[in-house]
Protein backbone atom coordinates (compact mmCIF):
# COMPACT_ATOMS: atom_id res chain seq x y z
CA MET A 1 61.89 100.71 109.01
CA GLN A 2 64.42 97.95 108.44
CA ILE A 3 68.06 98.79 107.75
CA SER A 4 70.34 96.22 106.14
CA ALA A 5 74.07 96.21 105.45
CA VAL A 6 75.37 95.27 102.02
CA LYS A 7 79.09 94.54 102.27
CA ALA A 8 81.41 95.98 99.64
CA PHE A 9 85.15 95.83 98.98
CA SER A 10 87.13 94.71 102.04
CA ASP A 11 85.43 96.73 104.75
CA ASN A 12 82.71 99.04 103.35
CA TYR A 13 79.08 98.93 104.37
CA ILE A 14 76.38 100.13 101.98
CA TRP A 15 73.27 100.75 104.04
CA VAL A 16 69.80 99.99 102.66
CA MET A 17 66.72 101.38 104.36
CA GLU A 18 63.56 99.43 103.62
CA LYS A 19 59.92 100.27 104.30
CA ASP A 20 56.66 99.24 102.62
CA GLY A 21 58.44 97.65 99.67
CA GLN A 22 60.64 100.68 98.99
CA ALA A 23 64.36 101.13 99.52
CA VAL A 24 66.82 103.97 100.01
CA VAL A 25 70.49 103.17 99.46
CA VAL A 26 73.31 105.03 101.20
CA ASP A 27 76.77 105.32 99.56
CA PRO A 28 76.70 102.58 96.90
CA GLY A 29 80.42 102.24 96.28
CA GLU A 30 79.73 99.29 94.02
CA ALA A 31 76.51 98.18 92.36
CA LYS A 32 76.26 94.39 92.27
CA GLY A 33 75.45 93.75 95.93
CA VAL A 34 72.95 96.60 95.96
CA LEU A 35 71.15 95.42 92.83
CA ASP A 36 71.09 91.83 94.08
CA HIS A 37 69.64 92.94 97.42
CA ILE A 38 66.93 95.07 95.82
CA ARG A 39 65.93 92.39 93.32
CA ASN A 40 66.04 89.50 95.77
CA LYS A 41 63.71 91.37 98.13
CA ASP A 42 61.53 92.71 95.29
CA LEU A 43 62.02 96.33 96.40
CA GLN A 44 61.43 99.58 94.55
CA LEU A 45 64.39 101.97 94.74
CA ALA A 46 63.13 105.31 96.10
CA ALA A 47 66.41 107.23 96.40
CA ILE A 48 70.17 107.15 96.76
CA LEU A 49 71.98 109.16 99.45
CA LEU A 50 75.65 110.14 99.08
CA THR A 51 77.74 111.43 101.97
CA HIS A 52 80.85 112.39 99.98
CA GLU A 53 82.75 112.05 96.74
CA HIS A 54 85.20 109.20 97.40
CA SER A 55 84.95 106.38 94.88
CA ASP A 56 84.34 103.65 97.44
CA HIS A 57 81.11 105.49 98.32
CA VAL A 58 79.89 106.59 94.88
CA GLY A 59 81.49 104.14 92.43
CA GLY A 60 78.34 102.08 91.91
CA VAL A 61 75.89 104.94 91.41
CA LYS A 62 75.92 105.04 87.61
CA GLU A 63 75.34 101.29 87.30
CA VAL A 64 72.49 101.41 89.81
CA LEU A 65 70.94 104.30 87.88
CA GLU A 66 71.19 102.31 84.66
CA ALA A 67 68.86 99.77 86.28
CA TYR A 68 66.69 102.41 87.99
CA PRO A 69 67.10 105.56 85.85
CA GLU A 70 64.44 107.74 87.50
CA THR A 71 65.93 107.43 91.00
CA PRO A 72 66.68 110.73 92.74
CA VAL A 73 70.20 111.04 94.13
CA TYR A 74 70.82 113.30 97.13
CA GLY A 75 74.39 114.40 97.81
CA PRO A 76 76.68 117.35 98.62
CA VAL A 77 78.06 119.70 95.98
CA GLU A 78 81.22 117.60 95.60
CA THR A 79 78.98 114.82 94.18
CA ALA A 80 77.15 117.18 91.80
CA GLU A 81 78.03 115.09 88.74
CA LEU A 82 75.95 112.27 90.21
CA ALA A 83 73.44 114.03 92.45
CA SER A 84 70.14 115.20 91.01
CA GLN A 85 69.42 116.89 94.36
CA VAL A 86 72.45 118.79 95.71
CA VAL A 87 72.03 119.22 99.47
CA ALA A 88 73.73 121.36 102.10
CA GLU A 89 73.72 122.02 105.84
CA GLY A 90 70.20 122.33 107.25
CA ASP A 91 68.33 120.99 104.22
CA ARG A 92 65.39 118.71 105.03
CA PHE A 93 63.56 116.21 102.86
CA SER A 94 61.21 113.25 103.29
CA LEU A 95 61.85 109.66 102.23
CA LEU A 96 60.03 106.49 103.25
CA GLY A 97 57.67 108.63 105.31
CA GLU A 98 60.50 110.01 107.46
CA VAL A 99 62.21 113.38 107.54
CA PHE A 100 65.97 113.60 107.01
CA THR A 101 68.13 116.58 107.94
CA VAL A 102 71.45 117.29 106.27
CA MET A 103 74.45 117.99 108.50
CA LYS A 104 77.68 119.34 107.01
CA THR A 105 80.38 117.15 108.55
CA ALA A 106 83.49 118.15 106.63
CA GLY A 107 87.12 117.29 107.24
CA HIS A 108 87.42 113.86 105.67
CA SER A 109 86.36 115.57 102.45
CA LYS A 110 85.63 119.24 101.86
CA GLU A 111 81.83 119.00 101.56
CA HIS A 112 81.11 115.73 103.40
CA VAL A 113 77.57 115.54 104.78
CA SER A 114 75.71 113.22 107.11
CA PHE A 115 72.01 112.41 107.02
CA LEU A 116 70.09 112.50 110.29
CA GLY A 117 66.75 110.70 110.21
CA GLU A 118 64.32 109.91 112.98
CA GLY A 119 66.71 108.28 115.42
CA VAL A 120 69.21 107.21 112.76
CA LEU A 121 72.45 108.77 111.50
CA PHE A 122 74.19 107.92 108.25
CA CYS A 123 77.60 109.50 108.70
CA GLY A 124 79.74 108.05 105.91
CA ASP A 125 83.39 108.46 106.92
CA ALA A 126 82.93 111.39 109.32
CA LEU A 127 82.36 109.11 112.32
CA PHE A 128 83.21 105.46 112.89
CA SER A 129 82.65 103.27 115.89
CA GLY A 130 85.64 104.06 118.07
CA GLY A 131 87.05 106.53 115.58
CA CYS A 132 86.58 108.98 112.72
CA GLY A 133 87.83 109.36 109.17
CA ARG A 134 91.27 110.58 108.18
CA VAL A 135 91.35 114.33 107.68
CA PHE A 136 92.35 114.30 104.02
CA THR A 137 91.50 118.00 103.63
CA GLY A 138 93.89 119.03 106.39
CA ASP A 139 91.01 120.97 107.93
CA TYR A 140 91.14 119.56 111.46
CA GLU A 141 88.91 122.33 112.76
CA ALA A 142 86.11 121.28 110.39
CA GLN A 143 86.42 117.63 111.45
CA PHE A 144 86.49 118.62 115.13
CA GLU A 145 83.33 120.68 114.61
CA ALA A 146 81.66 117.69 112.95
CA LEU A 147 82.46 115.60 116.01
CA GLN A 148 80.95 118.26 118.26
CA GLN A 149 77.75 118.06 116.22
CA PHE A 150 77.64 114.30 116.62
CA LYS A 151 78.31 114.57 120.34
CA SER A 152 75.33 116.91 120.73
CA LEU A 153 72.86 114.41 119.25
CA PRO A 154 70.58 112.34 121.51
CA GLU A 155 72.40 109.32 122.92
CA GLU A 156 69.84 106.88 121.50
CA VAL A 157 70.55 107.90 117.89
CA THR A 158 71.75 104.82 115.99
CA VAL A 159 75.01 105.33 114.07
CA TYR A 160 75.44 103.77 110.63
CA ALA A 161 79.04 104.40 109.56
CA GLY A 162 80.66 103.53 106.26
CA HIS A 163 83.43 101.13 107.30
CA GLU A 164 84.19 98.17 109.53
CA TYR A 165 87.10 99.76 111.37
CA THR A 166 85.87 99.23 114.91
CA GLN A 167 88.35 96.60 116.07
CA THR A 168 91.41 98.55 114.91
CA ASN A 169 89.99 101.78 116.34
CA LEU A 170 89.46 100.18 119.74
CA ARG A 171 92.89 98.53 119.71
CA PHE A 172 94.30 102.01 119.25
CA ALA A 173 92.05 103.45 121.97
CA HIS A 174 92.99 100.67 124.39
CA GLY A 175 96.66 101.41 123.78
CA GLU A 176 96.06 105.07 124.59
CA ARG A 177 93.84 104.35 127.59
CA PRO A 178 94.75 100.88 128.94
CA GLU A 179 93.08 101.69 132.25
CA ASP A 180 89.67 102.42 130.64
CA SER A 181 87.44 99.43 131.43
CA LEU A 182 84.68 100.51 129.03
CA ILE A 183 87.07 100.54 126.08
CA GLU A 184 88.63 97.24 127.16
CA GLU A 185 85.23 95.54 127.39
CA ALA A 186 84.09 97.03 124.08
CA LEU A 187 87.25 95.72 122.40
CA LYS A 188 86.59 92.21 123.74
CA GLN A 189 83.02 92.26 122.47
CA VAL A 190 84.05 93.60 119.06
CA SER A 191 86.84 91.02 118.73
CA ASP A 192 84.34 88.24 119.47
CA LYS A 193 82.00 89.57 116.80
CA ARG A 194 84.74 89.81 114.20
CA GLU A 195 85.89 86.25 114.89
CA GLN A 196 82.34 85.18 114.03
CA GLY A 197 82.14 87.47 111.00
CA ILE A 198 79.42 89.59 112.63
CA PRO A 199 79.33 93.34 111.84
CA THR A 200 80.17 95.64 114.75
CA LEU A 201 77.82 98.30 113.36
CA PRO A 202 75.50 100.01 113.92
CA SER A 203 76.51 101.74 117.13
CA THR A 204 74.82 104.55 119.08
CA ILE A 205 75.83 108.08 119.99
CA GLY A 206 75.67 107.15 123.68
CA LYS A 207 78.04 104.22 123.19
CA GLU A 208 80.43 106.27 121.09
CA LYS A 209 80.62 108.98 123.75
CA GLN A 210 81.92 106.28 126.10
CA ILE A 211 84.45 104.53 123.85
CA ASN A 212 85.39 106.97 121.06
CA LEU A 213 88.46 109.00 122.02
CA PHE A 214 87.90 111.41 119.13
CA LEU A 215 84.50 112.39 120.50
CA GLN A 216 86.13 112.91 123.90
CA ALA A 217 88.80 115.32 122.62
CA GLU A 218 88.05 118.76 124.07
CA THR A 219 90.09 120.96 121.72
CA VAL A 220 91.11 120.98 118.08
CA GLU A 221 94.74 120.57 119.16
CA ALA A 222 93.96 117.51 121.26
CA PHE A 223 91.94 116.06 118.40
CA LYS A 224 94.75 116.64 115.87
CA ASP A 225 97.30 115.02 118.16
CA LEU A 226 95.05 111.98 118.53
CA ARG A 227 94.33 111.80 114.80
CA ASP A 228 98.04 112.01 113.98
CA LYS A 229 98.73 109.09 116.32
CA ARG A 230 95.90 107.06 114.81
CA ASP A 231 97.17 107.77 111.28
CA HIS A 232 100.45 106.07 112.17
CA PHE A 233 99.00 103.25 114.27
C-alpha cells in the first residue's frame, strides 16, 4: 500500500492510502487537492476516514462527496452529520484488503478517534511528531490515556499525524531537555528537511518514544504541566 500526503492550508496533511487503483482519504479538510490527486492518478475513492470534528479535518468532505456520492465515510459520533458509518473504540472494518481498528483518543476533541491499520496509525491531532494536540476539552486525563495507548503500540508502527508541527515541537523539547542528544539530533534533521520543504512525517512509535516528551510523561499532572508550557511556547 502506498500512502501519499496532500498538503492543505498552512500545515495540514491529508493522507491518501492507495492500493490496486483504489484510495482511502483521511481527514480531507479541503477538497481541491484531494480531488486533483485522485483524478490525476485515476483512482477510485473507496472511503473517507475522519478522526474528529474540527473544520480543518472535515471541511472538504461535502465537496468530495459531491464528486463521489456513494463513498462511505467513517468517523466518530462528533462527525455524525458527515459520517455514514459512526465508529467507536474497538470497532474493526476492512478497507483496501486491510483491517483497521478504531482507538478512542480523546482530549483534543471529546470523541477524537485514531485508526490503526496493519503497521500504520492515522492519529489526527491526538499525536504529532514530538508533540500532541492542544487539550481543547480540558480533559487532560483523556489525552494522557490516549498517549498511553500510543506508547503501548509496537515500535515499528508508522505514525501519520495531521499537522507539520515537528520543528516547533522539537524546539520546545530541546529547550526543556537541552542535554538530550536524541532530541538535539532529531531537531537538526527536521530543520534540514524543512529548509528543503520536505515533510517530517510520517514518524514511528519507536522514534516518538525517544523524542516526544508528552509520551514520556509518567503522570497526568506531569503531562498537564508540559502541555501548559507548550501552549505558551
